[in-house]
């Protein structure tokens, strides 16, 4: 007579609609790095003019291994998948129907690990930004959030007022004259 563990295992196997080999293959395709959401955020940051590291030495030494690090701005960005990191009130953050206790424990560990890493980073002076997978459907809002959260450095000291003559690439004297006359 099978014991409780064997019955639970059999039930769990019956609820899966695909074979164990196929499930293994599917799960092997789930990526942990360079996911589509991460690539979207990196592309957006780059278009906004920010420069960052992805696999730099700072990324590996920081708690939680942030997806994106902006060392000059002392800012880290985590791009979280709503399912794995349990985005509150998100329809993507569902719990599988089989082996619920296992999944609950796994999700709780993920959330606790995220919380700990983020608090350690904040305590050491890093600005922490979390972008959720579902937010990437509205890139304009994500861009506005990033611009408001990430400090901007002004590389150029601009004067309060600039004379209009200094803004043109050529002086009015050089218009319509051959190049040899203007160079002398």
N, C-alpha and C. Protein backbone atom coordinates (compact mmCIF):
# COMPACT_ATOMS: atom_id res chain seq x y z
N UNK A 1 0.84 -1.18 0.00
CA UNK A 1 0.00 0.00 0.00
C UNK A 1 0.89 1.25 0.00
N UNK A 2 0.63 2.20 -0.94
CA UNK A 2 1.47 3.40 -1.03
C UNK A 2 1.25 4.32 0.17
N UNK A 3 2.33 4.94 0.61
CA UNK A 3 2.21 5.89 1.73
C UNK A 3 1.77 7.27 1.21
N UNK A 4 1.59 8.21 2.12
CA UNK A 4 1.09 9.55 1.77
C UNK A 4 2.00 10.26 0.77
N UNK A 5 3.33 10.14 0.95
CA UNK A 5 4.27 10.79 0.05
C UNK A 5 4.09 10.30 -1.38
N UNK A 6 3.96 8.98 -1.56
CA UNK A 6 3.80 8.42 -2.91
C UNK A 6 2.49 8.87 -3.54
N UNK A 7 1.42 8.94 -2.73
CA UNK A 7 0.14 9.39 -3.28
C UNK A 7 0.24 10.85 -3.72
N UNK A 8 0.88 11.70 -2.88
CA UNK A 8 1.04 13.11 -3.24
C UNK A 8 1.87 13.27 -4.51
N UNK A 9 2.92 12.47 -4.62
CA UNK A 9 3.77 12.53 -5.80
C UNK A 9 2.99 12.11 -7.03
N UNK A 10 2.20 11.05 -6.92
CA UNK A 10 1.40 10.58 -8.05
C UNK A 10 0.38 11.62 -8.47
N UNK A 11 -0.25 12.28 -7.50
CA UNK A 11 -1.23 13.31 -7.81
C UNK A 11 -0.55 14.48 -8.51
N UNK A 12 0.61 14.88 -8.01
CA UNK A 12 1.35 15.99 -8.62
C UNK A 12 1.74 15.66 -10.05
N UNK A 13 2.10 14.41 -10.31
CA UNK A 13 2.47 14.02 -11.66
C UNK A 13 1.25 14.00 -12.57
N UNK A 14 0.11 13.62 -12.04
CA UNK A 14 -1.09 13.56 -12.86
C UNK A 14 -1.57 14.94 -13.26
N UNK A 15 -1.36 15.96 -12.42
CA UNK A 15 -1.87 17.29 -12.74
C UNK A 15 -1.05 17.98 -13.82
N UNK A 16 0.17 17.53 -14.06
CA UNK A 16 0.99 18.12 -15.12
C UNK A 16 0.53 17.54 -16.45
N UNK A 17 0.30 18.39 -17.42
CA UNK A 17 -0.24 17.92 -18.70
C UNK A 17 0.83 17.47 -19.68
N UNK A 18 2.09 17.70 -19.33
CA UNK A 18 3.15 17.28 -20.25
C UNK A 18 4.09 16.33 -19.52
N UNK A 19 4.89 15.63 -20.30
CA UNK A 19 5.77 14.62 -19.71
C UNK A 19 6.86 15.26 -18.85
N UNK A 20 7.46 14.46 -18.01
CA UNK A 20 8.53 14.93 -17.13
C UNK A 20 9.71 15.45 -17.97
N UNK A 21 10.03 14.76 -19.05
CA UNK A 21 11.14 15.17 -19.92
C UNK A 21 10.85 16.53 -20.58
N UNK A 22 9.61 16.67 -21.06
CA UNK A 22 9.23 17.93 -21.70
C UNK A 22 9.25 19.07 -20.68
N UNK A 23 8.75 18.82 -19.47
CA UNK A 23 8.76 19.84 -18.40
C UNK A 23 10.20 20.24 -18.08
N UNK A 24 11.09 19.26 -18.02
CA UNK A 24 12.49 19.55 -17.75
C UNK A 24 13.08 20.43 -18.85
N UNK A 25 12.74 20.12 -20.09
CA UNK A 25 13.23 20.90 -21.21
C UNK A 25 12.71 22.34 -21.13
N UNK A 26 11.41 22.48 -20.84
CA UNK A 26 10.81 23.82 -20.74
C UNK A 26 11.49 24.63 -19.63
N UNK A 27 11.68 24.02 -18.48
CA UNK A 27 12.29 24.73 -17.35
C UNK A 27 13.75 25.08 -17.63
N UNK A 28 14.43 24.27 -18.43
CA UNK A 28 15.83 24.57 -18.75
C UNK A 28 15.95 25.81 -19.62
N UNK A 29 14.85 26.20 -20.27
CA UNK A 29 14.86 27.39 -21.12
C UNK A 29 14.57 28.67 -20.35
N UNK A 30 14.18 28.57 -19.09
CA UNK A 30 13.91 29.75 -18.28
C UNK A 30 15.26 30.37 -17.94
N UNK A 31 15.43 31.62 -18.37
CA UNK A 31 16.72 32.27 -18.22
C UNK A 31 16.79 33.04 -16.91
N UNK A 32 17.99 33.16 -16.39
CA UNK A 32 18.20 33.91 -15.16
C UNK A 32 18.88 35.24 -15.42
N UNK A 33 19.55 35.37 -16.56
CA UNK A 33 20.26 36.60 -16.90
C UNK A 33 19.90 37.00 -18.32
N UNK A 34 20.02 38.29 -18.58
CA UNK A 34 19.79 38.85 -19.91
C UNK A 34 18.39 38.49 -20.43
N UNK A 35 17.41 38.58 -19.55
CA UNK A 35 16.04 38.30 -19.95
C UNK A 35 15.51 39.45 -20.80
N UNK A 36 14.40 39.23 -21.46
CA UNK A 36 13.82 40.28 -22.30
C UNK A 36 13.49 41.53 -21.48
N UNK A 37 12.87 41.40 -20.29
CA UNK A 37 12.64 42.62 -19.49
C UNK A 37 13.93 43.37 -19.15
N UNK A 38 15.00 42.65 -18.82
CA UNK A 38 16.28 43.30 -18.52
C UNK A 38 16.80 44.03 -19.74
N UNK A 39 16.73 43.39 -20.89
CA UNK A 39 17.22 44.02 -22.12
C UNK A 39 16.41 45.27 -22.46
N UNK A 40 15.09 45.23 -22.22
CA UNK A 40 14.25 46.40 -22.46
C UNK A 40 14.67 47.58 -21.57
N UNK A 41 14.89 47.31 -20.29
CA UNK A 41 15.29 48.37 -19.36
C UNK A 41 16.66 48.92 -19.73
N UNK A 42 17.60 48.04 -20.08
CA UNK A 42 18.94 48.50 -20.48
C UNK A 42 18.85 49.40 -21.72
N UNK A 43 18.04 48.99 -22.69
CA UNK A 43 17.89 49.78 -23.91
C UNK A 43 17.28 51.15 -23.58
N UNK A 44 16.28 51.15 -22.72
CA UNK A 44 15.63 52.40 -22.32
C UNK A 44 16.62 53.31 -21.59
N UNK A 45 17.38 52.77 -20.67
CA UNK A 45 18.39 53.56 -19.95
C UNK A 45 19.40 54.18 -20.91
N UNK A 46 19.84 53.38 -21.86
CA UNK A 46 20.83 53.85 -22.82
C UNK A 46 20.26 54.99 -23.66
N UNK A 47 19.01 54.84 -24.11
CA UNK A 47 18.37 55.89 -24.89
C UNK A 47 18.17 57.17 -24.08
N UNK A 48 18.03 57.02 -22.75
CA UNK A 48 17.88 58.18 -21.88
C UNK A 48 19.23 58.84 -21.56
N UNK A 49 20.31 58.22 -22.02
CA UNK A 49 21.63 58.82 -21.84
C UNK A 49 22.40 58.31 -20.64
N UNK A 50 21.88 57.31 -19.96
CA UNK A 50 22.58 56.76 -18.80
C UNK A 50 23.57 55.70 -19.25
N UNK A 51 24.69 55.62 -18.56
CA UNK A 51 25.67 54.56 -18.81
C UNK A 51 25.75 53.71 -17.55
N UNK A 52 25.92 52.42 -17.74
CA UNK A 52 25.80 51.48 -16.62
C UNK A 52 26.64 50.25 -16.88
N UNK A 53 26.72 49.40 -15.88
CA UNK A 53 27.40 48.11 -16.06
C UNK A 53 26.36 47.00 -15.86
N UNK A 54 26.61 45.90 -16.53
CA UNK A 54 25.72 44.75 -16.41
C UNK A 54 26.47 43.59 -15.77
N UNK A 55 27.62 43.28 -16.28
CA UNK A 55 28.41 42.19 -15.73
C UNK A 55 29.71 42.68 -15.11
N UNK A 56 29.73 43.92 -14.70
CA UNK A 56 30.94 44.50 -14.12
C UNK A 56 31.25 43.92 -12.76
N UNK A 57 32.45 44.17 -12.27
CA UNK A 57 32.86 43.62 -10.97
C UNK A 57 31.97 44.12 -9.82
N UNK A 58 31.45 45.34 -9.92
CA UNK A 58 30.58 45.85 -8.86
C UNK A 58 29.28 45.05 -8.76
N UNK A 59 28.79 44.58 -9.89
CA UNK A 59 27.52 43.83 -9.88
C UNK A 59 27.64 42.55 -9.08
N UNK A 60 28.76 41.85 -9.23
CA UNK A 60 28.92 40.55 -8.58
C UNK A 60 29.15 40.68 -7.08
N UNK A 61 29.71 41.79 -6.64
CA UNK A 61 30.03 41.97 -5.23
C UNK A 61 28.89 42.60 -4.43
N UNK A 62 27.93 43.16 -5.10
CA UNK A 62 26.83 43.81 -4.40
C UNK A 62 25.80 42.78 -3.94
N UNK A 63 25.18 43.00 -2.79
CA UNK A 63 24.14 42.07 -2.31
C UNK A 63 22.99 41.97 -3.31
N UNK A 64 22.51 40.78 -3.53
CA UNK A 64 21.38 40.56 -4.43
C UNK A 64 21.74 40.53 -5.90
N UNK A 65 22.99 40.76 -6.24
CA UNK A 65 23.46 40.79 -7.64
C UNK A 65 22.50 41.59 -8.53
N UNK A 66 22.51 42.92 -8.39
CA UNK A 66 21.60 43.76 -9.18
C UNK A 66 21.76 43.52 -10.67
N UNK A 67 20.66 43.68 -11.40
CA UNK A 67 20.68 43.46 -12.85
C UNK A 67 21.45 44.57 -13.56
N UNK A 68 21.32 45.80 -13.05
CA UNK A 68 21.97 46.95 -13.67
C UNK A 68 22.57 47.81 -12.56
N UNK A 69 23.81 48.25 -12.76
CA UNK A 69 24.47 49.12 -11.77
C UNK A 69 24.95 50.38 -12.48
N UNK A 70 24.62 51.52 -11.88
CA UNK A 70 25.11 52.80 -12.36
C UNK A 70 26.09 53.29 -11.29
N UNK A 71 27.37 52.87 -11.39
CA UNK A 71 28.33 53.17 -10.32
C UNK A 71 28.54 54.66 -10.08
N UNK A 72 28.57 55.47 -11.14
CA UNK A 72 28.82 56.90 -10.98
C UNK A 72 27.68 57.58 -10.22
N UNK A 73 26.50 57.01 -10.28
CA UNK A 73 25.34 57.59 -9.61
C UNK A 73 24.96 56.82 -8.35
N UNK A 74 25.76 55.83 -8.02
CA UNK A 74 25.54 54.98 -6.84
C UNK A 74 24.08 54.50 -6.80
N UNK A 75 23.69 53.89 -7.90
CA UNK A 75 22.30 53.46 -8.08
C UNK A 75 22.29 52.04 -8.65
N UNK A 76 21.40 51.19 -8.15
CA UNK A 76 21.24 49.85 -8.68
C UNK A 76 19.80 49.64 -9.11
N UNK A 77 19.62 48.82 -10.12
CA UNK A 77 18.27 48.53 -10.62
C UNK A 77 18.09 47.02 -10.65
N UNK A 78 16.98 46.59 -10.05
CA UNK A 78 16.57 45.19 -10.13
C UNK A 78 15.38 45.14 -11.08
N UNK A 79 15.44 44.25 -12.06
CA UNK A 79 14.31 44.04 -12.95
C UNK A 79 13.69 42.71 -12.52
N UNK A 80 12.56 42.80 -11.83
CA UNK A 80 11.94 41.62 -11.24
C UNK A 80 10.83 41.07 -12.11
N UNK A 81 10.83 39.76 -12.25
CA UNK A 81 9.70 39.07 -12.86
C UNK A 81 8.58 38.99 -11.82
N UNK A 82 7.37 39.32 -12.23
CA UNK A 82 6.25 39.37 -11.28
C UNK A 82 5.97 38.00 -10.65
N UNK A 83 6.12 36.93 -11.41
CA UNK A 83 5.84 35.58 -10.89
C UNK A 83 6.84 35.18 -9.82
N UNK A 84 8.13 35.28 -10.11
CA UNK A 84 9.16 34.78 -9.19
C UNK A 84 9.35 35.66 -7.97
N UNK A 85 9.14 36.96 -8.14
CA UNK A 85 9.40 37.88 -7.03
C UNK A 85 8.12 38.38 -6.37
N UNK A 86 6.97 37.84 -6.78
CA UNK A 86 5.68 38.05 -6.12
C UNK A 86 5.24 39.50 -6.09
N UNK A 87 5.05 40.08 -7.25
CA UNK A 87 4.57 41.46 -7.34
C UNK A 87 3.15 41.51 -6.76
N UNK A 88 2.98 42.36 -5.75
CA UNK A 88 1.69 42.48 -5.06
C UNK A 88 0.59 42.92 -6.03
N UNK A 89 -0.54 42.27 -5.94
CA UNK A 89 -1.74 42.61 -6.73
C UNK A 89 -1.52 42.56 -8.24
N UNK A 90 -0.63 41.71 -8.68
CA UNK A 90 -0.36 41.57 -10.12
C UNK A 90 -0.94 40.24 -10.58
N UNK A 91 -1.60 40.26 -11.71
CA UNK A 91 -2.24 39.02 -12.20
C UNK A 91 -1.22 37.98 -12.67
N UNK A 92 0.01 38.41 -12.92
CA UNK A 92 1.06 37.47 -13.34
C UNK A 92 1.58 36.67 -12.15
N UNK A 93 1.45 37.22 -10.95
CA UNK A 93 1.99 36.58 -9.75
C UNK A 93 1.04 35.51 -9.21
N UNK A 94 0.79 34.50 -10.02
CA UNK A 94 -0.09 33.41 -9.61
C UNK A 94 0.72 32.34 -8.89
N UNK A 95 0.01 31.45 -8.20
CA UNK A 95 0.66 30.33 -7.52
C UNK A 95 0.22 29.05 -8.22
N UNK A 96 1.16 28.20 -8.61
CA UNK A 96 0.78 26.93 -9.25
C UNK A 96 -0.17 26.13 -8.36
N UNK A 97 -1.06 25.39 -8.99
CA UNK A 97 -2.08 24.62 -8.25
C UNK A 97 -1.51 23.35 -7.63
N UNK A 98 -0.45 22.82 -8.20
CA UNK A 98 0.13 21.59 -7.64
C UNK A 98 1.32 21.95 -6.76
N UNK A 99 1.50 21.16 -5.71
CA UNK A 99 2.62 21.31 -4.80
C UNK A 99 2.68 22.73 -4.21
N UNK A 100 1.55 23.21 -3.73
CA UNK A 100 1.40 24.58 -3.27
C UNK A 100 2.36 24.92 -2.14
N UNK A 101 2.54 24.00 -1.19
CA UNK A 101 3.42 24.27 -0.05
C UNK A 101 4.85 24.54 -0.53
N UNK A 102 5.32 23.75 -1.48
CA UNK A 102 6.67 23.94 -2.04
C UNK A 102 6.80 25.34 -2.65
N UNK A 103 5.82 25.72 -3.48
CA UNK A 103 5.89 27.00 -4.16
C UNK A 103 5.79 28.16 -3.18
N UNK A 104 4.91 28.05 -2.18
CA UNK A 104 4.79 29.12 -1.19
C UNK A 104 6.11 29.35 -0.48
N UNK A 105 6.75 28.26 -0.08
CA UNK A 105 8.04 28.38 0.62
C UNK A 105 9.09 29.00 -0.29
N UNK A 106 9.12 28.56 -1.54
CA UNK A 106 10.09 29.09 -2.50
C UNK A 106 9.87 30.59 -2.72
N UNK A 107 8.63 30.99 -2.91
CA UNK A 107 8.32 32.40 -3.13
C UNK A 107 8.67 33.24 -1.90
N UNK A 108 8.38 32.72 -0.71
CA UNK A 108 8.69 33.46 0.52
C UNK A 108 10.20 33.67 0.66
N UNK A 109 10.98 32.63 0.31
CA UNK A 109 12.45 32.79 0.36
C UNK A 109 12.91 33.85 -0.63
N UNK A 110 12.35 33.84 -1.83
CA UNK A 110 12.72 34.85 -2.85
C UNK A 110 12.43 36.26 -2.35
N UNK A 111 11.24 36.46 -1.82
CA UNK A 111 10.83 37.79 -1.36
C UNK A 111 11.72 38.24 -0.19
N UNK A 112 11.99 37.34 0.73
CA UNK A 112 12.84 37.68 1.88
C UNK A 112 14.26 38.02 1.42
N UNK A 113 14.79 37.25 0.49
CA UNK A 113 16.13 37.51 -0.05
C UNK A 113 16.17 38.88 -0.72
N UNK A 114 15.13 39.21 -1.50
CA UNK A 114 15.05 40.52 -2.15
C UNK A 114 15.03 41.63 -1.11
N UNK A 115 14.18 41.48 -0.10
CA UNK A 115 14.03 42.50 0.94
C UNK A 115 15.36 42.73 1.66
N UNK A 116 16.05 41.65 2.02
CA UNK A 116 17.33 41.75 2.73
C UNK A 116 18.37 42.46 1.86
N UNK A 117 18.50 42.04 0.62
CA UNK A 117 19.50 42.63 -0.28
C UNK A 117 19.24 44.12 -0.47
N UNK A 118 17.97 44.48 -0.66
CA UNK A 118 17.64 45.88 -0.89
C UNK A 118 17.92 46.74 0.34
N UNK A 119 17.63 46.21 1.52
CA UNK A 119 17.89 47.01 2.73
C UNK A 119 19.39 47.16 2.98
N UNK A 120 20.18 46.11 2.72
CA UNK A 120 21.64 46.21 2.88
C UNK A 120 22.20 47.24 1.90
N UNK A 121 21.72 47.22 0.67
CA UNK A 121 22.19 48.19 -0.32
C UNK A 121 21.83 49.62 0.10
N UNK A 122 20.60 49.81 0.54
CA UNK A 122 20.17 51.15 0.96
C UNK A 122 20.99 51.64 2.16
N UNK A 123 21.27 50.74 3.10
CA UNK A 123 22.06 51.12 4.27
C UNK A 123 23.49 51.50 3.89
N UNK A 124 24.00 50.91 2.80
CA UNK A 124 25.36 51.26 2.38
C UNK A 124 25.39 52.42 1.39
N UNK A 125 24.27 53.13 1.26
CA UNK A 125 24.27 54.35 0.47
C UNK A 125 23.87 54.21 -0.98
N UNK A 126 23.42 53.04 -1.39
CA UNK A 126 23.00 52.84 -2.78
C UNK A 126 21.53 53.20 -2.92
N UNK A 127 21.20 53.82 -4.03
CA UNK A 127 19.80 54.06 -4.37
C UNK A 127 19.30 52.79 -5.06
N UNK A 128 18.19 52.23 -4.59
CA UNK A 128 17.66 50.97 -5.12
C UNK A 128 16.36 51.24 -5.88
N UNK A 129 16.33 50.79 -7.12
CA UNK A 129 15.13 50.91 -7.95
C UNK A 129 14.69 49.51 -8.36
N UNK A 130 13.41 49.22 -8.21
CA UNK A 130 12.86 47.94 -8.64
C UNK A 130 11.88 48.22 -9.77
N UNK A 131 12.09 47.55 -10.89
CA UNK A 131 11.17 47.65 -12.02
C UNK A 131 10.54 46.29 -12.20
N UNK A 132 9.22 46.25 -12.25
CA UNK A 132 8.49 45.00 -12.39
C UNK A 132 8.21 44.71 -13.86
N UNK A 133 8.21 43.45 -14.17
CA UNK A 133 7.99 42.97 -15.54
C UNK A 133 6.72 43.57 -16.14
N UNK A 134 5.63 43.61 -15.39
CA UNK A 134 4.35 44.10 -15.92
C UNK A 134 4.39 45.61 -16.21
N UNK A 135 5.26 46.35 -15.55
CA UNK A 135 5.36 47.80 -15.78
C UNK A 135 5.95 48.11 -17.15
N UNK A 136 6.64 47.15 -17.74
CA UNK A 136 7.32 47.40 -19.01
C UNK A 136 6.36 47.47 -20.19
N UNK A 137 5.08 47.27 -19.93
CA UNK A 137 4.08 47.44 -20.99
C UNK A 137 3.85 48.92 -21.28
N UNK A 138 4.25 49.78 -20.33
CA UNK A 138 4.13 51.23 -20.48
C UNK A 138 5.51 51.86 -20.29
N UNK A 139 6.32 51.78 -21.34
CA UNK A 139 7.70 52.24 -21.27
C UNK A 139 7.84 53.73 -20.96
N UNK A 140 6.86 54.54 -21.40
CA UNK A 140 6.95 55.97 -21.11
C UNK A 140 6.87 56.23 -19.61
N UNK A 141 6.06 55.47 -18.90
CA UNK A 141 5.96 55.63 -17.44
C UNK A 141 7.24 55.15 -16.76
N UNK A 142 7.81 54.05 -17.27
CA UNK A 142 9.06 53.55 -16.71
C UNK A 142 10.17 54.57 -16.94
N UNK A 143 10.21 55.17 -18.13
CA UNK A 143 11.22 56.18 -18.43
C UNK A 143 11.08 57.37 -17.50
N UNK A 144 9.85 57.82 -17.27
CA UNK A 144 9.63 58.95 -16.37
C UNK A 144 10.07 58.59 -14.95
N UNK A 145 9.78 57.38 -14.53
CA UNK A 145 10.18 56.91 -13.19
C UNK A 145 11.70 56.90 -13.07
N UNK A 146 12.39 56.37 -14.09
CA UNK A 146 13.84 56.30 -14.05
C UNK A 146 14.46 57.70 -14.00
N UNK A 147 13.96 58.59 -14.82
CA UNK A 147 14.51 59.95 -14.86
C UNK A 147 14.29 60.65 -13.52
N UNK A 148 13.15 60.39 -12.88
CA UNK A 148 12.89 61.05 -11.60
C UNK A 148 13.69 60.43 -10.45
N UNK A 149 14.05 59.16 -10.57
CA UNK A 149 14.74 58.47 -9.49
C UNK A 149 16.27 58.51 -9.58
N UNK A 150 16.80 58.50 -10.79
CA UNK A 150 18.25 58.43 -10.95
C UNK A 150 18.81 59.84 -10.99
N UNK A 151 19.75 60.15 -10.09
CA UNK A 151 20.33 61.50 -10.10
C UNK A 151 21.10 61.76 -11.39
N UNK A 152 20.95 62.96 -11.92
CA UNK A 152 21.66 63.34 -13.15
C UNK A 152 22.84 64.20 -12.77
N UNK A 153 23.96 63.93 -13.41
CA UNK A 153 25.15 64.75 -13.22
C UNK A 153 25.28 65.68 -14.41
N UNK A 154 25.54 66.91 -14.13
CA UNK A 154 25.78 67.85 -15.21
C UNK A 154 27.29 67.88 -15.45
N UNK A 155 27.71 67.37 -16.59
CA UNK A 155 29.13 67.36 -16.91
C UNK A 155 29.62 68.75 -17.30
N UNK A 156 28.70 69.57 -17.80
CA UNK A 156 29.08 70.90 -18.26
C UNK A 156 28.55 71.95 -17.29
N UNK A 157 29.38 72.90 -16.97
CA UNK A 157 28.95 74.04 -16.17
C UNK A 157 28.42 75.07 -17.15
N UNK A 158 27.11 75.22 -17.22
CA UNK A 158 26.52 76.17 -18.15
C UNK A 158 26.31 77.51 -17.44
N UNK A 159 26.63 78.61 -18.14
CA UNK A 159 26.39 79.92 -17.55
C UNK A 159 24.90 80.22 -17.48
N UNK A 160 24.53 81.20 -16.66
CA UNK A 160 23.12 81.56 -16.52
C UNK A 160 22.54 82.07 -17.84
N UNK A 161 23.31 82.91 -18.56
CA UNK A 161 22.82 83.41 -19.84
C UNK A 161 23.92 83.22 -20.88
N UNK A 162 23.50 82.97 -22.10
CA UNK A 162 24.45 82.75 -23.19
C UNK A 162 24.11 83.74 -24.30
N UNK A 163 25.13 84.43 -24.82
CA UNK A 163 24.90 85.35 -25.92
C UNK A 163 24.54 84.56 -27.16
N UNK A 164 23.55 85.04 -27.90
CA UNK A 164 23.08 84.34 -29.08
C UNK A 164 24.17 84.11 -30.11
N UNK A 165 25.10 85.06 -30.24
CA UNK A 165 26.17 84.94 -31.23
C UNK A 165 27.04 83.71 -30.97
N UNK A 166 27.16 83.34 -29.70
CA UNK A 166 28.02 82.21 -29.35
C UNK A 166 27.38 80.86 -29.65
N UNK A 167 26.06 80.86 -29.95
CA UNK A 167 25.35 79.61 -30.18
C UNK A 167 25.41 79.14 -31.63
N UNK A 168 25.82 79.98 -32.57
CA UNK A 168 25.85 79.58 -33.98
C UNK A 168 27.18 78.91 -34.31
N UNK A 169 27.11 77.96 -35.22
CA UNK A 169 28.32 77.24 -35.61
C UNK A 169 29.20 78.08 -36.53
N UNK A 170 28.58 78.99 -37.31
CA UNK A 170 29.34 79.84 -38.23
C UNK A 170 28.92 81.28 -37.98
N UNK A 171 29.82 82.18 -38.27
CA UNK A 171 29.45 83.59 -38.16
C UNK A 171 28.75 84.01 -39.44
N UNK A 172 27.99 85.07 -39.38
CA UNK A 172 27.24 85.53 -40.55
C UNK A 172 28.18 85.99 -41.66
N UNK A 173 29.42 86.37 -41.31
CA UNK A 173 30.40 86.81 -42.32
C UNK A 173 30.76 85.67 -43.28
N UNK A 174 30.70 84.42 -42.81
CA UNK A 174 31.16 83.32 -43.66
C UNK A 174 30.07 82.78 -44.59
N UNK A 175 28.82 83.25 -44.46
CA UNK A 175 27.76 82.75 -45.34
C UNK A 175 27.98 83.23 -46.77
N UNK A 176 27.86 82.33 -47.71
CA UNK A 176 27.90 82.68 -49.12
C UNK A 176 29.27 82.94 -49.67
N UNK A 177 30.30 82.83 -48.88
CA UNK A 177 31.65 83.07 -49.38
C UNK A 177 32.34 81.72 -49.59
N UNK A 178 33.21 81.66 -50.59
CA UNK A 178 33.96 80.40 -50.79
C UNK A 178 34.83 80.12 -49.58
N UNK A 179 35.12 78.85 -49.37
CA UNK A 179 35.85 78.39 -48.19
C UNK A 179 37.23 79.05 -48.07
N UNK A 180 37.89 79.25 -49.17
CA UNK A 180 39.23 79.82 -49.12
C UNK A 180 39.22 81.26 -48.56
N UNK A 181 38.14 82.03 -48.83
CA UNK A 181 38.06 83.40 -48.32
C UNK A 181 37.82 83.43 -46.83
N UNK A 182 37.03 82.47 -46.30
CA UNK A 182 36.69 82.46 -44.88
C UNK A 182 37.81 81.94 -44.02
N UNK A 183 38.71 81.13 -44.59
CA UNK A 183 39.79 80.54 -43.81
C UNK A 183 40.92 81.52 -43.54
N UNK A 184 41.03 82.60 -44.35
CA UNK A 184 42.13 83.53 -44.17
C UNK A 184 41.97 84.49 -43.05
